[in-house]
Amino acid sequence: GDQKKTEKIIKLLKKSGYDTKVIFIQTSLETAQKRNKERSRTLPEKVVEFAWNGAQKVKPVLKRLVAAKDFHDIENEFDGEIDASSAGKFTV
């Protein structure tokens, strides 16, 4: 996504009185590339790498924009069962 646009939206929401939360779904570049290859419609490897690198760059910005309790970093390195242990834990 667009870092400046996201930052602007979060600031606007907070200024308007909204509680803001960030849920960052983290995976390794290798896993992202592997999953891309498994899809019926794929992106070029360089596009996946560019998007992954962009997400890593914006992560600390997002952490800074919301309170620590409102930043949730979810590990997504699974193959198979979805880890639902965080389900329902993102409410105020």
PDB file of N, CA and C in Angstrom:
ATOM      1  N   GLY A   1       0.802  -1.191   0.000  1.00  0.00           N
ATOM      2  CA  GLY A   1       0.000   0.000   0.000  1.00  0.00           C
ATOM      3  C   GLY A   1       0.845   1.255   0.000  1.00  0.00           C
ATOM      4  N   ASP A   2       0.186   2.347   0.025  1.00  0.00           N
ATOM      5  CA  ASP A   2       0.826   3.656   0.010  1.00  0.00           C
ATOM      6  C   ASP A   2       1.020   4.123   1.450  1.00  0.00           C
ATOM      7  N   GLN A   3       2.264   4.195   1.889  1.00  0.00           N
ATOM      8  CA  GLN A   3       2.581   4.520   3.292  1.00  0.00           C
ATOM      9  C   GLN A   3       2.023   5.868   3.714  1.00  0.00           C
ATOM     10  N   LYS A   4       2.201   6.882   2.910  1.00  0.00           N
ATOM     11  CA  LYS A   4       1.728   8.224   3.286  1.00  0.00           C
ATOM     12  C   LYS A   4       0.199   8.263   3.358  1.00  0.00           C
ATOM     13  N   LYS A   5      -0.457   7.570   2.445  1.00  0.00           N
ATOM     14  CA  LYS A   5      -1.921   7.525   2.447  1.00  0.00           C
ATOM     15  C   LYS A   5      -2.430   6.814   3.707  1.00  0.00           C
ATOM     16  N   THR A   6      -1.801   5.692   4.039  1.00  0.00           N
ATOM     17  CA  THR A   6      -2.190   4.939   5.234  1.00  0.00           C
ATOM     18  C   THR A   6      -1.975   5.776   6.485  1.00  0.00           C
ATOM     19  N   GLU A   7      -0.843   6.454   6.559  1.00  0.00           N
ATOM     20  CA  GLU A   7      -0.541   7.309   7.710  1.00  0.00           C
ATOM     21  C   GLU A   7      -1.576   8.424   7.830  1.00  0.00           C
ATOM     22  N   LYS A   8      -1.939   9.027   6.719  1.00  0.00           N
ATOM     23  CA  LYS A   8      -2.934  10.106   6.706  1.00  0.00           C
ATOM     24  C   LYS A   8      -4.300   9.603   7.193  1.00  0.00           C
ATOM     25  N   ILE A   9      -4.691   8.425   6.729  1.00  0.00           N
ATOM     26  CA  ILE A   9      -5.987   7.856   7.123  1.00  0.00           C
ATOM     27  C   ILE A   9      -6.014   7.562   8.622  1.00  0.00           C
ATOM     28  N   ILE A  10      -4.943   6.957   9.145  1.00  0.00           N
ATOM     29  CA  ILE A  10      -4.900   6.638  10.575  1.00  0.00           C
ATOM     30  C   ILE A  10      -4.974   7.918  11.406  1.00  0.00           C
ATOM     31  N   LYS A  11      -4.220   8.932  11.024  1.00  0.00           N
ATOM     32  CA  LYS A  11      -4.246  10.201  11.763  1.00  0.00           C
ATOM     33  C   LYS A  11      -5.618  10.848  11.706  1.00  0.00           C
ATOM     34  N   LEU A  12      -6.261  10.801  10.556  1.00  0.00           N
ATOM     35  CA  LEU A  12      -7.600  11.374  10.402  1.00  0.00           C
ATOM     36  C   LEU A  12      -8.614  10.631  11.268  1.00  0.00           C
ATOM     37  N   LEU A  13      -8.544   9.314  11.280  1.00  0.00           N
ATOM     38  CA  LEU A  13      -9.455   8.520  12.107  1.00  0.00           C
ATOM     39  C   LEU A  13      -9.259   8.828  13.590  1.00  0.00           C
ATOM     40  N   LYS A  14      -8.005   8.894  14.033  1.00  0.00           N
ATOM     41  CA  LYS A  14      -7.718   9.198  15.447  1.00  0.00           C
ATOM     42  C   LYS A  14      -8.209  10.596  15.808  1.00  0.00           C
ATOM     43  N   LYS A  15      -7.977  11.559  14.915  1.00  0.00           N
ATOM     44  CA  LYS A  15      -8.418  12.939  15.150  1.00  0.00           C
ATOM     45  C   LYS A  15      -9.943  13.011  15.240  1.00  0.00           C
ATOM     46  N   SER A  16     -10.619  12.132  14.512  1.00  0.00           N
ATOM     47  CA  SER A  16     -12.085  12.107  14.510  1.00  0.00           C
ATOM     48  C   SER A  16     -12.650  11.311  15.680  1.00  0.00           C
ATOM     49  N   GLY A  17     -11.763  10.785  16.539  1.00  0.00           N
ATOM     50  CA  GLY A  17     -12.214  10.096  17.740  1.00  0.00           C
ATOM     51  C   GLY A  17     -12.330   8.587  17.625  1.00  0.00           C
ATOM     52  N   TYR A  18     -11.913   8.030  16.502  1.00  0.00           N
ATOM     53  CA  TYR A  18     -11.998   6.579  16.336  1.00  0.00           C
ATOM     54  C   TYR A  18     -10.826   5.884  17.014  1.00  0.00           C
ATOM     55  N   ASP A  19     -11.098   4.712  17.596  1.00  0.00           N
ATOM     56  CA  ASP A  19     -10.019   3.844  18.062  1.00  0.00           C
ATOM     57  C   ASP A  19      -9.444   3.190  16.814  1.00  0.00           C
ATOM     58  N   THR A  20      -8.138   3.173  16.705  1.00  0.00           N
ATOM     59  CA  THR A  20      -7.512   2.555  15.536  1.00  0.00           C
ATOM     60  C   THR A  20      -6.644   1.393  15.978  1.00  0.00           C
ATOM     61  N   LYS A  21      -6.672   0.355  15.184  1.00  0.00           N
ATOM     62  CA  LYS A  21      -5.863  -0.832  15.428  1.00  0.00           C
ATOM     63  C   LYS A  21      -5.203  -1.233  14.120  1.00  0.00           C
ATOM     64  N   VAL A  22      -4.048  -1.849  14.237  1.00  0.00           N
ATOM     65  CA  VAL A  22      -3.357  -2.368  13.076  1.00  0.00           C
ATOM     66  C   VAL A  22      -3.134  -3.853  13.304  1.00  0.00           C
ATOM     67  N   ILE A  23      -3.525  -4.647  12.329  1.00  0.00           N
ATOM     68  CA  ILE A  23      -3.239  -6.076  12.347  1.00  0.00           C
ATOM     69  C   ILE A  23      -2.275  -6.324  11.197  1.00  0.00           C
ATOM     70  N   PHE A  24      -1.037  -6.658  11.528  1.00  0.00           N
ATOM     71  CA  PHE A  24       0.018  -6.870  10.543  1.00  0.00           C
ATOM     72  C   PHE A  24       0.237  -8.367  10.407  1.00  0.00           C
ATOM     73  N   ILE A  25      -0.059  -8.900   9.249  1.00  0.00           N
ATOM     74  CA  ILE A  25       0.111 -10.330   8.998  1.00  0.00           C
ATOM     75  C   ILE A  25       1.519 -10.532   8.448  1.00  0.00           C
ATOM     76  N   GLN A  26       2.367 -11.187   9.227  1.00  0.00           N
ATOM     77  CA  GLN A  26       3.784 -11.345   8.898  1.00  0.00           C
ATOM     78  C   GLN A  26       4.075 -12.723   8.334  1.00  0.00           C
ATOM     79  N   THR A  27       4.829 -12.770   7.271  1.00  0.00           N
ATOM     80  CA  THR A  27       5.342 -14.014   6.729  1.00  0.00           C
ATOM     81  C   THR A  27       6.716 -13.733   6.134  1.00  0.00           C
ATOM     82  N   SER A  28       7.498 -14.755   5.946  1.00  0.00           N
ATOM     83  CA  SER A  28       8.817 -14.560   5.340  1.00  0.00           C
ATOM     84  C   SER A  28       8.658 -14.345   3.833  1.00  0.00           C
ATOM     85  N   LEU A  29       9.661 -13.738   3.238  1.00  0.00           N
ATOM     86  CA  LEU A  29       9.648 -13.552   1.786  1.00  0.00           C
ATOM     87  C   LEU A  29       9.602 -14.905   1.091  1.00  0.00           C
ATOM     88  N   GLU A  30      10.322 -15.871   1.620  1.00  0.00           N
ATOM     89  CA  GLU A  30      10.338 -17.209   1.017  1.00  0.00           C
ATOM     90  C   GLU A  30       8.933 -17.819   1.006  1.00  0.00           C
ATOM     91  N   THR A  31       8.207 -17.668   2.111  1.00  0.00           N
ATOM     92  CA  THR A  31       6.842 -18.197   2.178  1.00  0.00           C
ATOM     93  C   THR A  31       5.928 -17.449   1.218  1.00  0.00           C
ATOM     94  N   ALA A  32       6.083 -16.132   1.143  1.00  0.00           N
ATOM     95  CA  ALA A  32       5.271 -15.343   0.216  1.00  0.00           C
ATOM     96  C   ALA A  32       5.516 -15.799  -1.227  1.00  0.00           C
ATOM     97  N   GLN A  33       6.782 -16.028  -1.581  1.00  0.00           N
ATOM     98  CA  GLN A  33       7.111 -16.483  -2.940  1.00  0.00           C
ATOM     99  C   GLN A  33       6.532 -17.880  -3.195  1.00  0.00           C
ATOM    100  N   LYS A  34       6.636 -18.760  -2.210  1.00  0.00           N
ATOM    101  CA  LYS A  34       6.111 -20.123  -2.348  1.00  0.00           C
ATOM    102  C   LYS A  34       4.596 -20.098  -2.556  1.00  0.00           C
ATOM    103  N   ARG A  35       3.895 -19.319  -1.740  1.00  0.00           N
ATOM    104  CA  ARG A  35       2.432 -19.243  -1.859  1.00  0.00           C
ATOM    105  C   ARG A  35       2.015 -18.616  -3.185  1.00  0.00           C
ATOM    106  N   ASN A  36       2.779 -17.651  -3.640  1.00  0.00           N
ATOM    107  CA  ASN A  36       2.488 -17.036  -4.931  1.00  0.00           C
ATOM    108  C   ASN A  36       2.553 -18.081  -6.047  1.00  0.00           C
ATOM    109  N   LYS A  37       3.569 -18.932  -6.012  1.00  0.00           N
ATOM    110  CA  LYS A  37       3.733 -19.967  -7.043  1.00  0.00           C
ATOM    111  C   LYS A  37       2.615 -21.001  -7.007  1.00  0.00           C
ATOM    112  N   GLU A  38       1.991 -21.185  -5.844  1.00  0.00           N
ATOM    113  CA  GLU A  38       0.921 -22.172  -5.691  1.00  0.00           C
ATOM    114  C   GLU A  38      -0.431 -21.665  -6.169  1.00  0.00           C
ATOM    115  N   ARG A  39      -0.556 -20.374  -6.429  1.00  0.00           N
ATOM    116  CA  ARG A  39      -1.826 -19.791  -6.855  1.00  0.00           C
ATOM    117  C   ARG A  39      -2.056 -20.028  -8.351  1.00  0.00           C
ATOM    118  N   SER A  40      -3.329 -20.011  -8.738  1.00  0.00           N
ATOM    119  CA  SER A  40      -3.628 -20.163 -10.160  1.00  0.00           C
ATOM    120  C   SER A  40      -3.226 -18.925 -10.952  1.00  0.00           C
ATOM    121  N   ARG A  41      -3.323 -17.752 -10.328  1.00  0.00           N
ATOM    122  CA  ARG A  41      -2.878 -16.495 -10.943  1.00  0.00           C
ATOM    123  C   ARG A  41      -1.707 -15.986 -10.122  1.00  0.00           C
ATOM    124  N   THR A  42      -0.544 -15.888 -10.726  1.00  0.00           N
ATOM    125  CA  THR A  42       0.656 -15.513  -9.985  1.00  0.00           C
ATOM    126  C   THR A  42       1.168 -14.134 -10.406  1.00  0.00           C
ATOM    127  N   LEU A  43       1.995 -13.586  -9.534  1.00  0.00           N
ATOM    128  CA  LEU A  43       2.692 -12.337  -9.810  1.00  0.00           C
ATOM    129  C   LEU A  43       4.149 -12.662 -10.105  1.00  0.00           C
ATOM    130  N   PRO A  44       4.827 -11.819 -10.865  1.00  0.00           N
ATOM    131  CA  PRO A  44       6.272 -12.027 -11.044  1.00  0.00           C
ATOM    132  C   PRO A  44       6.971 -11.971  -9.684  1.00  0.00           C
ATOM    133  N   GLU A  45       8.034 -12.763  -9.520  1.00  0.00           N
ATOM    134  CA  GLU A  45       8.752 -12.821  -8.242  1.00  0.00           C
ATOM    135  C   GLU A  45       9.202 -11.443  -7.775  1.00  0.00           C
ATOM    136  N   LYS A  46       9.640 -10.601  -8.687  1.00  0.00           N
ATOM    137  CA  LYS A  46      10.110  -9.255  -8.314  1.00  0.00           C
ATOM    138  C   LYS A  46       8.976  -8.407  -7.743  1.00  0.00           C
ATOM    139  N   VAL A  47       7.750  -8.606  -8.218  1.00  0.00           N
ATOM    140  CA  VAL A  47       6.596  -7.864  -7.696  1.00  0.00           C
ATOM    141  C   VAL A  47       6.299  -8.317  -6.270  1.00  0.00           C
ATOM    142  N   VAL A  48       6.342  -9.615  -6.033  1.00  0.00           N
ATOM    143  CA  VAL A  48       6.118 -10.140  -4.679  1.00  0.00           C
ATOM    144  C   VAL A  48       7.195  -9.607  -3.741  1.00  0.00           C
ATOM    145  N   GLU A  49       8.434  -9.624  -4.176  1.00  0.00           N
ATOM    146  CA  GLU A  49       9.535  -9.123  -3.346  1.00  0.00           C
ATOM    147  C   GLU A  49       9.391  -7.623  -3.065  1.00  0.00           C
ATOM    148  N   PHE A  50       8.998  -6.855  -4.074  1.00  0.00           N
ATOM    149  CA  PHE A  50       8.795  -5.413  -3.900  1.00  0.00           C
ATOM    150  C   PHE A  50       7.700  -5.144  -2.870  1.00  0.00           C
ATOM    151  N   ALA A  51       6.580  -5.863  -2.979  1.00  0.00           N
ATOM    152  CA  ALA A  51       5.464  -5.675  -2.047  1.00  0.00           C
ATOM    153  C   ALA A  51       5.870  -6.096  -0.633  1.00  0.00           C
ATOM    154  N   TRP A  52       6.591  -7.215  -0.516  1.00  0.00           N
ATOM    155  CA  TRP A  52       7.019  -7.701   0.792  1.00  0.00           C
ATOM    156  C   TRP A  52       7.968  -6.696   1.441  1.00  0.00           C
ATOM    157  N   ASN A  53       8.936  -6.199   0.677  1.00  0.00           N
ATOM    158  CA  ASN A  53       9.880  -5.201   1.206  1.00  0.00           C
ATOM    159  C   ASN A  53       9.149  -3.926   1.632  1.00  0.00           C
ATOM    160  N   GLY A  54       8.159  -3.506   0.859  1.00  0.00           N
ATOM    161  CA  GLY A  54       7.374  -2.326   1.213  1.00  0.00           C
ATOM    162  C   GLY A  54       6.644  -2.512   2.526  1.00  0.00           C
ATOM    163  N   ALA A  55       6.080  -3.691   2.727  1.00  0.00           N
ATOM    164  CA  ALA A  55       5.369  -3.978   3.978  1.00  0.00           C
ATOM    165  C   ALA A  55       6.327  -3.939   5.163  1.00  0.00           C
ATOM    166  N   GLN A  56       7.540  -4.455   4.992  1.00  0.00           N
ATOM    167  CA  GLN A  56       8.516  -4.447   6.077  1.00  0.00           C
ATOM    168  C   GLN A  56       8.925  -3.022   6.433  1.00  0.00           C
ATOM    169  N   LYS A  57       9.023  -2.160   5.429  1.00  0.00           N
ATOM    170  CA  LYS A  57       9.399  -0.762   5.670  1.00  0.00           C
ATOM    171  C   LYS A  57       8.311   0.000   6.423  1.00  0.00           C
ATOM    172  N   VAL A  58       7.046  -0.291   6.121  1.00  0.00           N
ATOM    173  CA  VAL A  58       5.945   0.459   6.731  1.00  0.00           C
ATOM    174  C   VAL A  58       5.591  -0.064   8.132  1.00  0.00           C
ATOM    175  N   LYS A  59       6.008  -1.260   8.457  1.00  0.00           N
ATOM    176  CA  LYS A  59       5.662  -1.864   9.751  1.00  0.00           C
ATOM    177  C   LYS A  59       6.022  -0.975  10.938  1.00  0.00           C
ATOM    178  N   PRO A  60       7.260  -0.448  11.051  1.00  0.00           N
ATOM    179  CA  PRO A  60       7.570   0.411  12.204  1.00  0.00           C
ATOM    180  C   PRO A  60       6.767   1.713  12.211  1.00  0.00           C
ATOM    181  N   VAL A  61       6.408   2.204  11.046  1.00  0.00           N
ATOM    182  CA  VAL A  61       5.587   3.420  10.959  1.00  0.00           C
ATOM    183  C   VAL A  61       4.206   3.137  11.537  1.00  0.00           C
ATOM    184  N   LEU A  62       3.635   2.009  11.167  1.00  0.00           N
ATOM    185  CA  LEU A  62       2.316   1.630  11.680  1.00  0.00           C
ATOM    186  C   LEU A  62       2.360   1.439  13.192  1.00  0.00           C
ATOM    187  N   LYS A  63       3.418   0.802  13.684  1.00  0.00           N
ATOM    188  CA  LYS A  63       3.578   0.603  15.129  1.00  0.00           C
ATOM    189  C   LYS A  63       3.599   1.935  15.858  1.00  0.00           C
ATOM    190  N   ARG A  64       4.268   2.911  15.276  1.00  0.00           N
ATOM    191  CA  ARG A  64       4.401   4.232  15.892  1.00  0.00           C
ATOM    192  C   ARG A  64       3.079   4.990  15.886  1.00  0.00           C
ATOM    193  N   LEU A  65       2.250   4.760  14.878  1.00  0.00           N
ATOM    194  CA  LEU A  65       0.999   5.518  14.726  1.00  0.00           C
ATOM    195  C   LEU A  65      -0.103   5.093  15.680  1.00  0.00           C
ATOM    196  N   VAL A  66      -0.068   3.852  16.125  1.00  0.00           N
ATOM    197  CA  VAL A  66      -1.104   3.378  17.052  1.00  0.00           C
ATOM    198  C   VAL A  66      -0.443   2.990  18.375  1.00  0.00           C
ATOM    199  N   ALA A  67      -1.220   2.950  19.419  1.00  0.00           N
ATOM    200  CA  ALA A  67      -0.693   2.545  20.728  1.00  0.00           C
ATOM    201  C   ALA A  67      -0.200   1.097  20.654  1.00  0.00           C
ATOM    202  N   ALA A  68       0.787   0.763  21.466  1.00  0.00           N
ATOM    203  CA  ALA A  68       1.361  -0.591  21.462  1.00  0.00           C
ATOM    204  C   ALA A  68       0.286  -1.664  21.614  1.00  0.00           C
ATOM    205  N   LYS A  69      -0.714  -1.383  22.450  1.00  0.00           N
ATOM    206  CA  LYS A  69      -1.778  -2.379  22.657  1.00  0.00           C
ATOM    207  C   LYS A  69      -2.659  -2.544  21.420  1.00  0.00           C
ATOM    208  N   ASP A  70      -2.563  -1.612  20.487  1.00  0.00           N
ATOM    209  CA  ASP A  70      -3.406  -1.653  19.289  1.00  0.00           C
ATOM    210  C   ASP A  70      -2.662  -2.110  18.044  1.00  0.00           C
ATOM    211  N   PHE A  71      -1.415  -2.550  18.201  1.00  0.00           N
ATOM    212  CA  PHE A  71      -0.659  -3.103  17.085  1.00  0.00           C
ATOM    213  C   PHE A  71      -0.530  -4.598  17.306  1.00  0.00           C
ATOM    214  N   HIS A  72      -1.044  -5.373  16.383  1.00  0.00           N
ATOM    215  CA  HIS A  72      -1.034  -6.833  16.505  1.00  0.00           C
ATOM    216  C   HIS A  72      -0.240  -7.422  15.349  1.00  0.00           C
ATOM    217  N   ASP A  73       0.845  -8.095  15.676  1.00  0.00           N
ATOM    218  CA  ASP A  73       1.723  -8.717  14.692  1.00  0.00           C
ATOM    219  C   ASP A  73       1.416 -10.214  14.686  1.00  0.00           C
ATOM    220  N   ILE A  74       0.805 -10.671  13.613  1.00  0.00           N
ATOM    221  CA  ILE A  74       0.365 -12.067  13.519  1.00  0.00           C
ATOM    222  C   ILE A  74       1.320 -12.841  12.613  1.00  0.00           C
ATOM    223  N   GLU A  75       1.888 -13.905  13.138  1.00  0.00           N
ATOM    224  CA  GLU A  75       2.798 -14.758  12.364  1.00  0.00           C
ATOM    225  C   GLU A  75       1.970 -15.661  11.451  1.00  0.00           C
ATOM    226  N   ASN A  76       2.337 -15.716  10.185  1.00  0.00           N
ATOM    227  CA  ASN A  76       1.570 -16.473   9.203  1.00  0.00           C
ATOM    228  C   ASN A  76       2.486 -17.417   8.424  1.00  0.00           C
ATOM    229  N   GLU A  77       3.255 -18.193   9.138  1.00  0.00           N
ATOM    230  CA  GLU A  77       4.194 -19.129   8.510  1.00  0.00           C
ATOM    231  C   GLU A  77       3.658 -20.558   8.499  1.00  0.00           C
ATOM    232  N   PHE A  78       2.379 -20.731   8.712  1.00  0.00           N
ATOM    233  CA  PHE A  78       1.826 -22.069   8.823  1.00  0.00           C
ATOM    234  C   PHE A  78       1.651 -22.723   7.451  1.00  0.00           C
ATOM    235  N   ASP A  79       1.663 -24.015   7.445  1.00  0.00           N
ATOM    236  CA  ASP A  79       1.279 -24.813   6.277  1.00  0.00           C
ATOM    237  C   ASP A  79       0.218 -25.786   6.773  1.00  0.00           C
ATOM    238  N   GLY A  80      -1.019 -25.509   6.503  1.00  0.00           N
ATOM    239  CA  GLY A  80      -2.090 -26.392   6.951  1.00  0.00           C
ATOM    240  C   GLY A  80      -3.065 -25.687   7.853  1.00  0.00           C
ATOM    241  N   GLU A  81      -3.162 -26.139   9.105  1.00  0.00           N
ATOM    242  CA  GLU A  81      -4.107 -25.595  10.072  1.00  0.00           C
ATOM    243  C   GLU A  81      -3.891 -24.105  10.309  1.00  0.00           C
ATOM    244  N   ILE A  82      -4.964 -23.373  10.349  1.00  0.00           N
ATOM    245  CA  ILE A  82      -4.904 -21.954  10.662  1.00  0.00           C
ATOM    246  C   ILE A  82      -4.846 -21.796  12.169  1.00  0.00           C
ATOM    247  N   ASP A  83      -3.924 -20.961  12.636  1.00  0.00           N
ATOM    248  CA  ASP A  83      -3.801 -20.686  14.063  1.00  0.00           C
ATOM    249  C   ASP A  83      -4.859 -19.657  14.440  1.00  0.00           C
ATOM    250  N   ALA A  84      -5.887 -20.083  15.117  1.00  0.00           N
ATOM    251  CA  ALA A  84      -6.993 -19.196  15.500  1.00  0.00           C
ATOM    252  C   ALA A  84      -6.864 -18.740  16.950  1.00  0.00           C
ATOM    253  N   SER A  85      -5.696 -18.883  17.549  1.00  0.00           N
ATOM    254  CA  SER A  85      -5.523 -18.537  18.959  1.00  0.00           C
ATOM    255  C   SER A  85      -5.741 -17.054  19.228  1.00  0.00           C
ATOM    256  N   SER A  86      -5.593 -16.208  18.218  1.00  0.00           N
ATOM    257  CA  SER A  86      -5.797 -14.757  18.400  1.00  0.00           C
ATOM    258  C   SER A  86      -7.233 -14.332  18.166  1.00  0.00           C
ATOM    259  N   ALA A  87      -8.064 -15.249  17.724  1.00  0.00           N
ATOM    260  CA  ALA A  87      -9.460 -14.906  17.409  1.00  0.00           C
ATOM    261  C   ALA A  87     -10.150 -14.289  18.614  1.00  0.00           C
ATOM    262  N   GLY A  88     -10.794 -13.147  18.399  1.00  0.00           N
ATOM    263  CA  GLY A  88     -11.549 -12.494  19.441  1.00  0.00           C
ATOM    264  C   GLY A  88     -10.723 -11.666  20.412  1.00  0.00           C
ATOM    265  N   LYS A  89      -9.425 -11.556  20.181  1.00  0.00           N
ATOM    266  CA  LYS A  89      -8.554 -10.839  21.114  1.00  0.00           C
ATOM    267  C   LYS A  89      -8.237  -9.423  20.654  1.00  0.00           C
ATOM    268  N   PHE A  90      -8.858  -8.970  19.601  1.00  0.00           N
ATOM    269  CA  PHE A  90      -8.542  -7.659  19.050  1.00  0.00           C
ATOM    270  C   PHE A  90      -9.596  -6.625  19.328  1.00  0.00           C
ATOM    271  N   THR A  91     -10.398  -6.824  20.350  1.00  0.00           N
ATOM    272  CA  THR A  91     -11.423  -5.849  20.701  1.00  0.00           C
ATOM    273  C   THR A  91     -10.899  -4.961  21.824  1.00  0.00           C
ATOM    274  N   VAL A  92     -11.585  -3.848  22.035  1.00  0.00           N
ATOM    275  CA  VAL A  92     -11.157  -2.901  23.068  1.00  0.00           C
ATOM    276  C   VAL A  92     -11.456  -3.457  24.436  1.00  0.00           C
TER     277      VAL A  92
END
